Amino acid sequence: MTDGETTLAELRARMTAFVRERRWQKYHKPKNLAMSIAIEAAELMEHFQWLDHAEAASALRRRQVRKEVSHEMADILAFLLSLANELDIDLAASFEEKMRRNERKYPAARCRGHYKRPTRKG
């Protein structure tokens, strides 16, 4: 599986099968899954916690660090897919809707080169 050849639907189905085979449905409830996403995100942050940008870039050139970071990212994705399954939320549609909102909120012409939200005109 690679990003270029796998759909979100396939990933969701893979996660559904994984959970079902282990009979974990009773544990995969919105609260638990949301907390698991936060916990895994914290584990991802630990890899960068005390590093400046240059140190983080250097660490990520090491194969083992990169693998550990990728595993934390995969854990986050797995729990997010499970949450989408549990709530029956179409992630691609939600992503597209949110990106359209972000494009209106942060117009490129007014935000290019900085991260601050532009002030509204008039």
PDB file of N, CA and C in Angstrom:
ATOM      1  N   MET A   1       0.839  -1.191   0.000  1.00  0.00           N
ATOM      2  CA  MET A   1       0.000   0.000   0.000  1.00  0.00           C
ATOM      3  C   MET A   1       0.876   1.244   0.000  1.00  0.00           C
ATOM      4  N   THR A   2       0.524   2.179  -0.840  1.00  0.00           N
ATOM      5  CA  THR A   2       1.168   3.492  -0.815  1.00  0.00           C
ATOM      6  C   THR A   2       0.082   4.560  -0.927  1.00  0.00           C
ATOM      7  N   ASP A   3       0.435   5.798  -0.611  1.00  0.00           N
ATOM      8  CA  ASP A   3      -0.521   6.897  -0.725  1.00  0.00           C
ATOM      9  C   ASP A   3      -1.075   7.006  -2.141  1.00  0.00           C
ATOM     10  N   GLY A   4      -0.211   6.790  -3.122  1.00  0.00           N
ATOM     11  CA  GLY A   4      -0.615   6.961  -4.509  1.00  0.00           C
ATOM     12  C   GLY A   4      -1.557   5.898  -5.035  1.00  0.00           C
ATOM     13  N   GLU A   5      -1.647   4.786  -4.342  1.00  0.00           N
ATOM     14  CA  GLU A   5      -2.480   3.691  -4.853  1.00  0.00           C
ATOM     15  C   GLU A   5      -3.599   3.267  -3.902  1.00  0.00           C
ATOM     16  N   THR A   6      -3.755   3.959  -2.780  1.00  0.00           N
ATOM     17  CA  THR A   6      -4.723   3.545  -1.769  1.00  0.00           C
ATOM     18  C   THR A   6      -5.718   4.660  -1.509  1.00  0.00           C
ATOM     19  N   THR A   7      -6.986   4.296  -1.418  1.00  0.00           N
ATOM     20  CA  THR A   7      -8.020   5.291  -1.127  1.00  0.00           C
ATOM     21  C   THR A   7      -8.317   5.318   0.373  1.00  0.00           C
ATOM     22  N   LEU A   8      -8.944   6.390   0.798  1.00  0.00           N
ATOM     23  CA  LEU A   8      -9.398   6.461   2.187  1.00  0.00           C
ATOM     24  C   LEU A   8     -10.399   5.348   2.478  1.00  0.00           C
ATOM     25  N   ALA A   9     -11.238   5.038   1.522  1.00  0.00           N
ATOM     26  CA  ALA A   9     -12.216   3.962   1.713  1.00  0.00           C
ATOM     27  C   ALA A   9     -11.506   2.635   1.982  1.00  0.00           C
ATOM     28  N   GLU A  10     -10.422   2.381   1.289  1.00  0.00           N
ATOM     29  CA  GLU A  10      -9.664   1.148   1.518  1.00  0.00           C
ATOM     30  C   GLU A  10      -9.032   1.136   2.904  1.00  0.00           C
ATOM     31  N   LEU A  11      -8.489   2.275   3.319  1.00  0.00           N
ATOM     32  CA  LEU A  11      -7.904   2.359   4.658  1.00  0.00           C
ATOM     33  C   LEU A  11      -8.966   2.175   5.735  1.00  0.00           C
ATOM     34  N   ARG A  12     -10.124   2.782   5.526  1.00  0.00           N
ATOM     35  CA  ARG A  12     -11.216   2.632   6.495  1.00  0.00           C
ATOM     36  C   ARG A  12     -11.664   1.174   6.576  1.00  0.00           C
ATOM     37  N   ALA A  13     -11.758   0.519   5.443  1.00  0.00           N
ATOM     38  CA  ALA A  13     -12.157  -0.893   5.428  1.00  0.00           C
ATOM     39  C   ALA A  13     -11.118  -1.753   6.131  1.00  0.00           C
ATOM     40  N   ARG A  14      -9.857  -1.441   5.917  1.00  0.00           N
ATOM     41  CA  ARG A  14      -8.773  -2.190   6.579  1.00  0.00           C
ATOM     42  C   ARG A  14      -8.871  -2.028   8.092  1.00  0.00           C
ATOM     43  N   MET A  15      -9.157  -0.800   8.534  1.00  0.00           N
ATOM     44  CA  MET A  15      -9.282  -0.538   9.970  1.00  0.00           C
ATOM     45  C   MET A  15     -10.515  -1.225  10.540  1.00  0.00           C
ATOM     46  N   THR A  16     -11.626  -1.198   9.806  1.00  0.00           N
ATOM     47  CA  THR A  16     -12.842  -1.888  10.247  1.00  0.00           C
ATOM     48  C   THR A  16     -12.569  -3.373  10.447  1.00  0.00           C
ATOM     49  N   ALA A  17     -11.898  -3.987   9.489  1.00  0.00           N
ATOM     50  CA  ALA A  17     -11.584  -5.419   9.582  1.00  0.00           C
ATOM     51  C   ALA A  17     -10.672  -5.700  10.767  1.00  0.00           C
ATOM     52  N   PHE A  18      -9.673  -4.861  10.973  1.00  0.00           N
ATOM     53  CA  PHE A  18      -8.740  -5.025  12.085  1.00  0.00           C
ATOM     54  C   PHE A  18      -9.485  -5.006  13.422  1.00  0.00           C
ATOM     55  N   VAL A  19     -10.348  -4.012  13.592  1.00  0.00           N
ATOM     56  CA  VAL A  19     -11.102  -3.868  14.840  1.00  0.00           C
ATOM     57  C   VAL A  19     -12.075  -5.038  15.003  1.00  0.00           C
ATOM     58  N   ARG A  20     -12.785  -5.385  13.943  1.00  0.00           N
ATOM     59  CA  ARG A  20     -13.769  -6.470  14.006  1.00  0.00           C
ATOM     60  C   ARG A  20     -13.102  -7.804  14.347  1.00  0.00           C
ATOM     61  N   GLU A  21     -11.970  -8.104  13.722  1.00  0.00           N
ATOM     62  CA  GLU A  21     -11.278  -9.373  13.972  1.00  0.00           C
ATOM     63  C   GLU A  21     -10.872  -9.526  15.437  1.00  0.00           C
ATOM     64  N   ARG A  22     -10.648  -8.427  16.111  1.00  0.00           N
ATOM     65  CA  ARG A  22     -10.228  -8.452  17.511  1.00  0.00           C
ATOM     66  C   ARG A  22     -11.388  -8.218  18.478  1.00  0.00           C
ATOM     67  N   ARG A  23     -12.568  -7.999  17.912  1.00  0.00           N
ATOM     68  CA  ARG A  23     -13.773  -7.706  18.705  1.00  0.00           C
ATOM     69  C   ARG A  23     -13.554  -6.511  19.623  1.00  0.00           C
ATOM     70  N   TRP A  24     -13.007  -5.473  19.051  1.00  0.00           N
ATOM     71  CA  TRP A  24     -12.718  -4.260  19.805  1.00  0.00           C
ATOM     72  C   TRP A  24     -13.776  -3.176  19.626  1.00  0.00           C
ATOM     73  N   GLN A  25     -14.877  -3.479  18.951  1.00  0.00           N
ATOM     74  CA  GLN A  25     -15.884  -2.448  18.692  1.00  0.00           C
ATOM     75  C   GLN A  25     -16.353  -1.775  19.982  1.00  0.00           C
ATOM     76  N   LYS A  26     -16.452  -2.547  21.068  1.00  0.00           N
ATOM     77  CA  LYS A  26     -16.944  -1.969  22.329  1.00  0.00           C
ATOM     78  C   LYS A  26     -15.983  -0.924  22.899  1.00  0.00           C
ATOM     79  N   TYR A  27     -14.719  -0.974  22.474  1.00  0.00           N
ATOM     80  CA  TYR A  27     -13.731   0.002  22.939  1.00  0.00           C
ATOM     81  C   TYR A  27     -13.600   1.189  21.988  1.00  0.00           C
ATOM     82  N   HIS A  28     -13.984   0.991  20.752  1.00  0.00           N
ATOM     83  CA  HIS A  28     -13.807   2.029  19.728  1.00  0.00           C
ATOM     84  C   HIS A  28     -15.021   2.945  19.681  1.00  0.00           C
ATOM     85  N   LYS A  29     -15.189   3.695  20.741  1.00  0.00           N
ATOM     86  CA  LYS A  29     -16.260   4.678  20.873  1.00  0.00           C
ATOM     87  C   LYS A  29     -15.652   6.070  20.748  1.00  0.00           C
ATOM     88  N   PRO A  30     -16.467   7.064  20.366  1.00  0.00           N
ATOM     89  CA  PRO A  30     -15.917   8.396  20.085  1.00  0.00           C
ATOM     90  C   PRO A  30     -14.992   8.957  21.163  1.00  0.00           C
ATOM     91  N   LYS A  31     -15.387   8.882  22.428  1.00  0.00           N
ATOM     92  CA  LYS A  31     -14.540   9.429  23.497  1.00  0.00           C
ATOM     93  C   LYS A  31     -13.186   8.733  23.522  1.00  0.00           C
ATOM     94  N   ASN A  32     -13.206   7.411  23.504  1.00  0.00           N
ATOM     95  CA  ASN A  32     -11.964   6.644  23.566  1.00  0.00           C
ATOM     96  C   ASN A  32     -11.081   6.936  22.357  1.00  0.00           C
ATOM     97  N   LEU A  33     -11.686   6.997  21.185  1.00  0.00           N
ATOM     98  CA  LEU A  33     -10.911   7.229  19.968  1.00  0.00           C
ATOM     99  C   LEU A  33     -10.330   8.639  19.936  1.00  0.00           C
ATOM    100  N   ALA A  34     -11.120   9.630  20.347  1.00  0.00           N
ATOM    101  CA  ALA A  34     -10.607  11.004  20.399  1.00  0.00           C
ATOM    102  C   ALA A  34      -9.446  11.106  21.375  1.00  0.00           C
ATOM    103  N   MET A  35      -9.573  10.451  22.526  1.00  0.00           N
ATOM    104  CA  MET A  35      -8.487  10.465  23.502  1.00  0.00           C
ATOM    105  C   MET A  35      -7.257   9.748  22.941  1.00  0.00           C
ATOM    106  N   SER A  36      -7.469   8.669  22.232  1.00  0.00           N
ATOM    107  CA  SER A  36      -6.352   7.924  21.651  1.00  0.00           C
ATOM    108  C   SER A  36      -5.618   8.757  20.604  1.00  0.00           C
ATOM    109  N   ILE A  37      -6.359   9.528  19.824  1.00  0.00           N
ATOM    110  CA  ILE A  37      -5.728  10.420  18.846  1.00  0.00           C
ATOM    111  C   ILE A  37      -4.840  11.424  19.573  1.00  0.00           C
ATOM    112  N   ALA A  38      -5.362  12.014  20.641  1.00  0.00           N
ATOM    113  CA  ALA A  38      -4.585  13.001  21.405  1.00  0.00           C
ATOM    114  C   ALA A  38      -3.345  12.366  22.030  1.00  0.00           C
ATOM    115  N   ILE A  39      -3.488  11.173  22.552  1.00  0.00           N
ATOM    116  CA  ILE A  39      -2.353  10.486  23.168  1.00  0.00           C
ATOM    117  C   ILE A  39      -1.279  10.190  22.131  1.00  0.00           C
ATOM    118  N   GLU A  40      -1.697   9.684  20.978  1.00  0.00           N
ATOM    119  CA  GLU A  40      -0.730   9.385  19.915  1.00  0.00           C
ATOM    120  C   GLU A  40      -0.088  10.667  19.375  1.00  0.00           C
ATOM    121  N   ALA A  41      -0.858  11.749  19.310  1.00  0.00           N
ATOM    122  CA  ALA A  41      -0.290  13.032  18.877  1.00  0.00           C
ATOM    123  C   ALA A  41       0.768  13.505  19.866  1.00  0.00           C
ATOM    124  N   ALA A  42       0.515  13.286  21.149  1.00  0.00           N
ATOM    125  CA  ALA A  42       1.509  13.640  22.165  1.00  0.00           C
ATOM    126  C   ALA A  42       2.773  12.799  21.996  1.00  0.00           C
ATOM    127  N   GLU A  43       2.608  11.527  21.677  1.00  0.00           N
ATOM    128  CA  GLU A  43       3.774  10.673  21.441  1.00  0.00           C
ATOM    129  C   GLU A  43       4.558  11.147  20.217  1.00  0.00           C
ATOM    130  N   LEU A  44       3.869  11.633  19.207  1.00  0.00           N
ATOM    131  CA  LEU A  44       4.540  12.209  18.043  1.00  0.00           C
ATOM    132  C   LEU A  44       5.314  13.465  18.452  1.00  0.00           C
ATOM    133  N   MET A  45       4.695  14.306  19.254  1.00  0.00           N
ATOM    134  CA  MET A  45       5.347  15.545  19.692  1.00  0.00           C
ATOM    135  C   MET A  45       6.606  15.281  20.502  1.00  0.00           C
ATOM    136  N   GLU A  46       6.633  14.186  21.238  1.00  0.00           N
ATOM    137  CA  GLU A  46       7.806  13.870  22.049  1.00  0.00           C
ATOM    138  C   GLU A  46       9.087  13.793  21.212  1.00  0.00           C
ATOM    139  N   HIS A  47       8.962  13.404  19.972  1.00  0.00           N
ATOM    140  CA  HIS A  47      10.147  13.295  19.108  1.00  0.00           C
ATOM    141  C   HIS A  47      10.772  14.666  18.820  1.00  0.00           C
ATOM    142  N   PHE A  48      10.003  15.724  19.005  1.00  0.00           N
ATOM    143  CA  PHE A  48      10.466  17.072  18.667  1.00  0.00           C
ATOM    144  C   PHE A  48      10.517  18.004  19.868  1.00  0.00           C
ATOM    145  N   GLN A  49      10.116  17.529  21.016  1.00  0.00           N
ATOM    146  CA  GLN A  49       9.839  18.359  22.186  1.00  0.00           C
ATOM    147  C   GLN A  49      10.931  19.374  22.521  1.00  0.00           C
ATOM    148  N   TRP A  50      12.163  18.974  22.578  1.00  0.00           N
ATOM    149  CA  TRP A  50      13.223  19.883  23.022  1.00  0.00           C
ATOM    150  C   TRP A  50      14.174  20.265  21.901  1.00  0.00           C
ATOM    151  N   LEU A  51      13.766  20.054  20.663  1.00  0.00           N
ATOM    152  CA  LEU A  51      14.633  20.321  19.523  1.00  0.00           C
ATOM    153  C   LEU A  51      14.236  21.620  18.839  1.00  0.00           C
ATOM    154  N   ASP A  52      15.233  22.361  18.375  1.00  0.00           N
ATOM    155  CA  ASP A  52      14.905  23.493  17.519  1.00  0.00           C
ATOM    156  C   ASP A  52      14.705  22.946  16.103  1.00  0.00           C
ATOM    157  N   HIS A  53      14.389  23.802  15.163  1.00  0.00           N
ATOM    158  CA  HIS A  53      14.078  23.350  13.799  1.00  0.00           C
ATOM    159  C   HIS A  53      15.246  22.600  13.162  1.00  0.00           C
ATOM    160  N   ALA A  54      16.446  23.100  13.342  1.00  0.00           N
ATOM    161  CA  ALA A  54      17.622  22.456  12.736  1.00  0.00           C
ATOM    162  C   ALA A  54      17.874  21.086  13.366  1.00  0.00           C
ATOM    163  N   GLU A  55      17.724  21.001  14.679  1.00  0.00           N
ATOM    164  CA  GLU A  55      17.931  19.723  15.361  1.00  0.00           C
ATOM    165  C   GLU A  55      16.867  18.700  14.946  1.00  0.00           C
ATOM    166  N   ALA A  56      15.638  19.157  14.786  1.00  0.00           N
ATOM    167  CA  ALA A  56      14.563  18.261  14.347  1.00  0.00           C
ATOM    168  C   ALA A  56      14.847  17.747  12.938  1.00  0.00           C
ATOM    169  N   ALA A  57      15.277  18.633  12.049  1.00  0.00           N
ATOM    170  CA  ALA A  57      15.595  18.219  10.684  1.00  0.00           C
ATOM    171  C   ALA A  57      16.733  17.205  10.690  1.00  0.00           C
ATOM    172  N   SER A  58      17.713  17.429  11.531  1.00  0.00           N
ATOM    173  CA  SER A  58      18.844  16.506  11.639  1.00  0.00           C
ATOM    174  C   SER A  58      18.379  15.149  12.169  1.00  0.00           C
ATOM    175  N   ALA A  59      17.536  15.156  13.185  1.00  0.00           N
ATOM    176  CA  ALA A  59      17.029  13.907  13.766  1.00  0.00           C
ATOM    177  C   ALA A  59      16.258  13.111  12.723  1.00  0.00           C
ATOM    178  N   LEU A  60      15.470  13.807  11.905  1.00  0.00           N
ATOM    179  CA  LEU A  60      14.645  13.128  10.910  1.00  0.00           C
ATOM    180  C   LEU A  60      15.453  12.531   9.763  1.00  0.00           C
ATOM    181  N   ARG A  61      16.726  12.873   9.673  1.00  0.00           N
ATOM    182  CA  ARG A  61      17.586  12.228   8.678  1.00  0.00           C
ATOM    183  C   ARG A  61      18.050  10.853   9.147  1.00  0.00           C
ATOM    184  N   ARG A  62      17.846  10.561  10.434  1.00  0.00           N
ATOM    185  CA  ARG A  62      18.202   9.237  10.956  1.00  0.00           C
ATOM    186  C   ARG A  62      17.058   8.268  10.703  1.00  0.00           C
ATOM    187  N   ARG A  63      17.375   7.146  10.110  1.00  0.00           N
ATOM    188  CA  ARG A  63      16.371   6.155   9.702  1.00  0.00           C
ATOM    189  C   ARG A  63      15.465   5.744  10.871  1.00  0.00           C
ATOM    190  N   GLN A  64      16.045   5.472  12.028  1.00  0.00           N
ATOM    191  CA  GLN A  64      15.251   4.990  13.167  1.00  0.00           C
ATOM    192  C   GLN A  64      14.271   6.044  13.657  1.00  0.00           C
ATOM    193  N   VAL A  65      14.720   7.287  13.740  1.00  0.00           N
ATOM    194  CA  VAL A  65      13.828   8.365  14.187  1.00  0.00           C
ATOM    195  C   VAL A  65      12.688   8.530  13.186  1.00  0.00           C
ATOM    196  N   ARG A  66      13.022   8.533  11.915  1.00  0.00           N
ATOM    197  CA  ARG A  66      12.014   8.680  10.865  1.00  0.00           C
ATOM    198  C   ARG A  66      10.982   7.546  10.938  1.00  0.00           C
ATOM    199  N   LYS A  67      11.449   6.319  11.187  1.00  0.00           N
ATOM    200  CA  LYS A  67      10.543   5.174  11.316  1.00  0.00           C
ATOM    201  C   LYS A  67       9.631   5.350  12.525  1.00  0.00           C
ATOM    202  N   GLU A  68      10.192   5.768  13.659  1.00  0.00           N
ATOM    203  CA  GLU A  68       9.383   5.972  14.862  1.00  0.00           C
ATOM    204  C   GLU A  68       8.337   7.061  14.639  1.00  0.00           C
ATOM    205  N   VAL A  69       8.731   8.148  14.004  1.00  0.00           N
ATOM    206  CA  VAL A  69       7.796   9.235  13.699  1.00  0.00           C
ATOM    207  C   VAL A  69       6.694   8.724  12.769  1.00  0.00           C
ATOM    208  N   SER A  70       7.067   7.953  11.762  1.00  0.00           N
ATOM    209  CA  SER A  70       6.062   7.432  10.824  1.00  0.00           C
ATOM    210  C   SER A  70       5.087   6.498  11.541  1.00  0.00           C
ATOM    211  N   HIS A  71       5.569   5.738  12.511  1.00  0.00           N
ATOM    212  CA  HIS A  71       4.679   4.848  13.258  1.00  0.00           C
ATOM    213  C   HIS A  71       3.701   5.635  14.123  1.00  0.00           C
ATOM    214  N   GLU A  72       4.156   6.717  14.727  1.00  0.00           N
ATOM    215  CA  GLU A  72       3.236   7.557  15.511  1.00  0.00           C
ATOM    216  C   GLU A  72       2.189   8.192  14.601  1.00  0.00           C
ATOM    217  N   MET A  73       2.615   8.635  13.425  1.00  0.00           N
ATOM    218  CA  MET A  73       1.665   9.207  12.463  1.00  0.00           C
ATOM    219  C   MET A  73       0.643   8.155  12.035  1.00  0.00           C
ATOM    220  N   ALA A  74       1.099   6.922  11.819  1.00  0.00           N
ATOM    221  CA  ALA A  74       0.193   5.841  11.440  1.00  0.00           C
ATOM    222  C   ALA A  74      -0.789   5.532  12.567  1.00  0.00           C
ATOM    223  N   ASP A  75      -0.329   5.584  13.815  1.00  0.00           N
ATOM    224  CA  ASP A  75      -1.233   5.376  14.948  1.00  0.00           C
ATOM    225  C   ASP A  75      -2.335   6.434  14.965  1.00  0.00           C
ATOM    226  N   ILE A  76      -1.953   7.685  14.733  1.00  0.00           N
ATOM    227  CA  ILE A  76      -2.937   8.772  14.693  1.00  0.00           C
ATOM    228  C   ILE A  76      -3.940   8.515  13.579  1.00  0.00           C
ATOM    229  N   LEU A  77      -3.445   8.156  12.407  1.00  0.00           N
ATOM    230  CA  LEU A  77      -4.322   7.890  11.274  1.00  0.00           C
ATOM    231  C   LEU A  77      -5.259   6.721  11.575  1.00  0.00           C
ATOM    232  N   ALA A  78      -4.737   5.665  12.182  1.00  0.00           N
ATOM    233  CA  ALA A  78      -5.566   4.499  12.494  1.00  0.00           C
ATOM    234  C   ALA A  78      -6.723   4.881  13.405  1.00  0.00           C
ATOM    235  N   PHE A  79      -6.440   5.646  14.443  1.00  0.00           N
ATOM    236  CA  PHE A  79      -7.508   6.050  15.356  1.00  0.00           C
ATOM    237  C   PHE A  79      -8.461   7.037  14.682  1.00  0.00           C
ATOM    238  N   LEU A  80      -7.957   7.902  13.816  1.00  0.00           N
ATOM    239  CA  LEU A  80      -8.820   8.829  13.086  1.00  0.00           C
ATOM    240  C   LEU A  80      -9.747   8.069  12.134  1.00  0.00           C
ATOM    241  N   LEU A  81      -9.208   7.064  11.458  1.00  0.00           N
ATOM    242  CA  LEU A  81     -10.041   6.241  10.582  1.00  0.00           C
ATOM    243  C   LEU A  81     -11.115   5.517  11.390  1.00  0.00           C
ATOM    244  N   SER A  82     -10.745   5.001  12.556  1.00  0.00           N
ATOM    245  CA  SER A  82     -11.729   4.331  13.413  1.00  0.00           C
ATOM    246  C   SER A  82     -12.811   5.303  13.875  1.00  0.00           C
ATOM    247  N   LEU A  83     -12.409   6.522  14.199  1.00  0.00           N
ATOM    248  CA  LEU A  83     -13.387   7.527  14.619  1.00  0.00           C
ATOM    249  C   LEU A  83     -14.322   7.875  13.462  1.00  0.00           C
ATOM    250  N   ALA A  84     -13.771   8.013  12.276  1.00  0.00           N
ATOM    251  CA  ALA A  84     -14.610   8.281  11.103  1.00  0.00           C
ATOM    252  C   ALA A  84     -15.587   7.130  10.871  1.00  0.00           C
ATOM    253  N   ASN A  85     -15.101   5.912  11.049  1.00  0.00           N
ATOM    254  CA  ASN A  85     -15.989   4.750  10.911  1.00  0.00           C
ATOM    255  C   ASN A  85     -17.089   4.775  11.956  1.00  0.00           C
ATOM    256  N   GLU A  86     -16.729   5.024  13.194  1.00  0.00           N
ATOM    257  CA  GLU A  86     -17.697   5.022  14.295  1.00  0.00           C
ATOM    258  C   GLU A  86     -18.751   6.112  14.113  1.00  0.00           C
ATOM    259  N   LEU A  87     -18.338   7.284  13.641  1.00  0.00           N
ATOM    260  CA  LEU A  87     -19.259   8.421  13.480  1.00  0.00           C
ATOM    261  C   LEU A  87     -19.862   8.515  12.087  1.00  0.00           C
ATOM    262  N   ASP A  88     -19.442   7.611  11.190  1.00  0.00           N
ATOM    263  CA  ASP A  88     -19.895   7.624   9.795  1.00  0.00           C
ATOM    264  C   ASP A  88     -19.685   9.000   9.165  1.00  0.00           C
ATOM    265  N   ILE A  89     -18.457   9.484   9.284  1.00  0.00           N
ATOM    266  CA  ILE A  89     -18.081  10.775   8.707  1.00  0.00           C
ATOM    267  C   ILE A  89     -17.199  10.523   7.493  1.00  0.00           C
ATOM    268  N   ASP A  90     -17.546  11.166   6.401  1.00  0.00           N
ATOM    269  CA  ASP A  90     -16.776  11.074   5.166  1.00  0.00           C
ATOM    270  C   ASP A  90     -15.588  12.027   5.289  1.00  0.00           C
ATOM    271  N   LEU A  91     -14.409  11.472   5.531  1.00  0.00           N
ATOM    272  CA  LEU A  91     -13.223  12.303   5.761  1.00  0.00           C
ATOM    273  C   LEU A  91     -12.850  13.149   4.552  1.00  0.00           C
ATOM    274  N   ALA A  92     -12.927  12.586   3.370  1.00  0.00           N
ATOM    275  CA  ALA A  92     -12.562  13.345   2.172  1.00  0.00           C
ATOM    276  C   ALA A  92     -13.507  14.536   1.987  1.00  0.00           C
ATOM    277  N   ALA A  93     -14.797  14.321   2.172  1.00  0.00           N
ATOM    278  CA  ALA A  93     -15.762  15.410   2.037  1.00  0.00           C
ATOM    279  C   ALA A  93     -15.544  16.456   3.130  1.00  0.00           C
ATOM    280  N   SER A  94     -15.282  16.000   4.358  1.00  0.00           N
ATOM    281  CA  SER A  94     -15.031  16.931   5.461  1.00  0.00           C
ATOM    282  C   SER A  94     -13.772  17.741   5.207  1.00  0.00           C
ATOM    283  N   PHE A  95     -12.731  17.060   4.704  1.00  0.00           N
ATOM    284  CA  PHE A  95     -11.477  17.740   4.389  1.00  0.00           C
ATOM    285  C   PHE A  95     -11.705  18.814   3.323  1.00  0.00           C
ATOM    286  N   GLU A  96     -12.411  18.467   2.278  1.00  0.00           N
ATOM    287  CA  GLU A  96     -12.653  19.430   1.195  1.00  0.00           C
ATOM    288  C   GLU A  96     -13.452  20.622   1.698  1.00  0.00           C
ATOM    289  N   GLU A  97     -14.488  20.365   2.494  1.00  0.00           N
ATOM    290  CA  GLU A  97     -15.288  21.460   3.049  1.00  0.00           C
ATOM    291  C   GLU A  97     -14.430  22.366   3.926  1.00  0.00           C
ATOM    292  N   LYS A  98     -13.598  21.772   4.774  1.00  0.00           N
ATOM    293  CA  LYS A  98     -12.737  22.556   5.665  1.00  0.00           C
ATOM    294  C   LYS A  98     -11.704  23.353   4.877  1.00  0.00           C
ATOM    295  N   MET A  99     -11.145  22.756   3.823  1.00  0.00           N
ATOM    296  CA  MET A  99     -10.170  23.484   3.010  1.00  0.00           C
ATOM    297  C   MET A  99     -10.818  24.684   2.321  1.00  0.00           C
ATOM    298  N   ARG A 100     -12.057  24.537   1.859  1.00  0.00           N
ATOM    299  CA  ARG A 100     -12.756  25.679   1.250  1.00  0.00           C
ATOM    300  C   ARG A 100     -12.951  26.789   2.284  1.00  0.00           C
ATOM    301  N   ARG A 101     -13.306  26.407   3.512  1.00  0.00           N
ATOM    302  CA  ARG A 101     -13.455  27.400   4.587  1.00  0.00           C
ATOM    303  C   ARG A 101     -12.114  28.068   4.883  1.00  0.00           C
ATOM    304  N   ASN A 102     -11.051  27.274   4.940  1.00  0.00           N
ATOM    305  CA  ASN A 102      -9.716  27.830   5.205  1.00  0.00           C
ATOM    306  C   ASN A 102      -9.278  28.768   4.088  1.00  0.00           C
ATOM    307  N   GLU A 103      -9.596  28.439   2.861  1.00  0.00           N
ATOM    308  CA  GLU A 103      -9.241  29.316   1.737  1.00  0.00           C
ATOM    309  C   GLU A 103      -9.940  30.665   1.846  1.00  0.00           C
ATOM    310  N   ARG A 104     -11.177  30.654   2.331  1.00  0.00           N
ATOM    311  CA  ARG A 104     -11.885  31.924   2.545  1.00  0.00           C
ATOM    312  C   ARG A 104     -11.311  32.669   3.762  1.00  0.00           C
ATOM    313  N   LYS A 105     -10.993  31.930   4.800  1.00  0.00           N
ATOM    314  CA  LYS A 105     -10.499  32.524   6.049  1.00  0.00           C
ATOM    315  C   LYS A 105      -9.074  33.050   5.894  1.00  0.00           C
ATOM    316  N   TYR A 106      -8.272  32.353   5.104  1.00  0.00           N
ATOM    317  CA  TYR A 106      -6.871  32.704   4.896  1.00  0.00           C
ATOM    318  C   TYR A 106      -6.587  32.852   3.407  1.00  0.00           C
ATOM    319  N   PRO A 107      -7.091  33.915   2.784  1.00  0.00           N
ATOM    320  CA  PRO A 107      -6.861  34.078   1.345  1.00  0.00           C
ATOM    321  C   PRO A 107      -5.361  34.217   1.051  1.00  0.00           C
ATOM    322  N   ALA A 108      -4.892  33.473   0.077  1.00  0.00           N
ATOM    323  CA  ALA A 108      -3.463  33.431  -0.235  1.00  0.00           C
ATOM    324  C   ALA A 108      -2.891  34.821  -0.481  1.00  0.00           C
ATOM    325  N   ALA A 109      -3.630  35.654  -1.164  1.00  0.00           N
ATOM    326  CA  ALA A 109      -3.121  36.992  -1.489  1.00  0.00           C
ATOM    327  C   ALA A 109      -2.871  37.831  -0.241  1.00  0.00           C
ATOM    328  N   ARG A 110      -3.573  37.542   0.842  1.00  0.00           N
ATOM    329  CA  ARG A 110      -3.427  38.327   2.068  1.00  0.00           C
ATOM    330  C   ARG A 110      -2.620  37.613   3.144  1.00  0.00           C
ATOM    331  N   CYS A 111      -2.311  36.327   2.943  1.00  0.00           N
ATOM    332  CA  CYS A 111      -1.609  35.546   3.968  1.00  0.00           C
ATOM    333  C   CYS A 111      -0.243  35.052   3.515  1.00  0.00           C
ATOM    334  N   ARG A 112       0.076  35.248   2.294  1.00  0.00           N
ATOM    335  CA  ARG A 112       1.312  34.686   1.740  1.00  0.00           C
ATOM    336  C   ARG A 112       2.525  35.155   2.540  1.00  0.00           C
ATOM    337  N   GLY A 113       3.295  34.193   3.036  1.00  0.00           N
ATOM    338  CA  GLY A 113       4.541  34.508   3.723  1.00  0.00           C
ATOM    339  C   GLY A 113       4.427  34.739   5.216  1.00  0.00           C
ATOM    340  N   HIS A 114       3.216  34.698   5.760  1.00  0.00           N
ATOM    341  CA  HIS A 114       3.059  34.824   7.205  1.00  0.00           C
ATOM    342  C   HIS A 114       1.869  33.991   7.655  1.00  0.00           C
ATOM    343  N   TYR A 115       1.796  33.694   8.930  1.00  0.00           N
ATOM    344  CA  TYR A 115       0.803  32.775   9.457  1.00  0.00           C
ATOM    345  C   TYR A 115      -0.387  33.460  10.135  1.00  0.00           C
ATOM    346  N   LYS A 116      -0.343  34.753  10.293  1.00  0.00           N
ATOM    347  CA  LYS A 116      -1.418  35.438  11.022  1.00  0.00           C
ATOM    348  C   LYS A 116      -2.651  35.583  10.145  1.00  0.00           C
ATOM    349  N   ARG A 117      -3.804  35.430  10.789  1.00  0.00           N
ATOM    350  CA  ARG A 117      -5.058  35.597  10.080  1.00  0.00           C
ATOM    351  C   ARG A 117      -5.199  37.058   9.654  1.00  0.00           C
ATOM    352  N   PRO A 118      -5.597  37.282   8.426  1.00  0.00           N
ATOM    353  CA  PRO A 118      -5.762  38.663   7.994  1.00  0.00           C
ATOM    354  C   PRO A 118      -6.960  39.304   8.697  1.00  0.00           C
ATOM    355  N   THR A 119      -6.871  40.598   8.923  1.00  0.00           N
ATOM    356  CA  THR A 119      -8.004  41.298   9.512  1.00  0.00           C
ATOM    357  C   THR A 119      -9.053  41.475   8.440  1.00  0.00           C
ATOM    358  N   ARG A 120     -10.291  41.480   8.882  1.00  0.00           N
ATOM    359  CA  ARG A 120     -11.390  41.635   7.917  1.00  0.00           C
ATOM    360  C   ARG A 120     -11.471  43.082   7.438  1.00  0.00           C
ATOM    361  N   LYS A 121     -11.796  43.218   6.170  1.00  0.00           N
ATOM    362  CA  LYS A 121     -11.985  44.564   5.616  1.00  0.00           C
ATOM    363  C   LYS A 121     -13.336  45.099   6.025  1.00  0.00           C
ATOM    364  N   GLY A 122     -13.345  46.403   6.328  1.00  0.00           N
ATOM    365  CA  GLY A 122     -14.561  47.128   6.594  1.00  0.00           C
ATOM    366  C   GLY A 122     -15.443  46.443   7.499  1.00  0.00           C
TER     367      GLY A 122
END
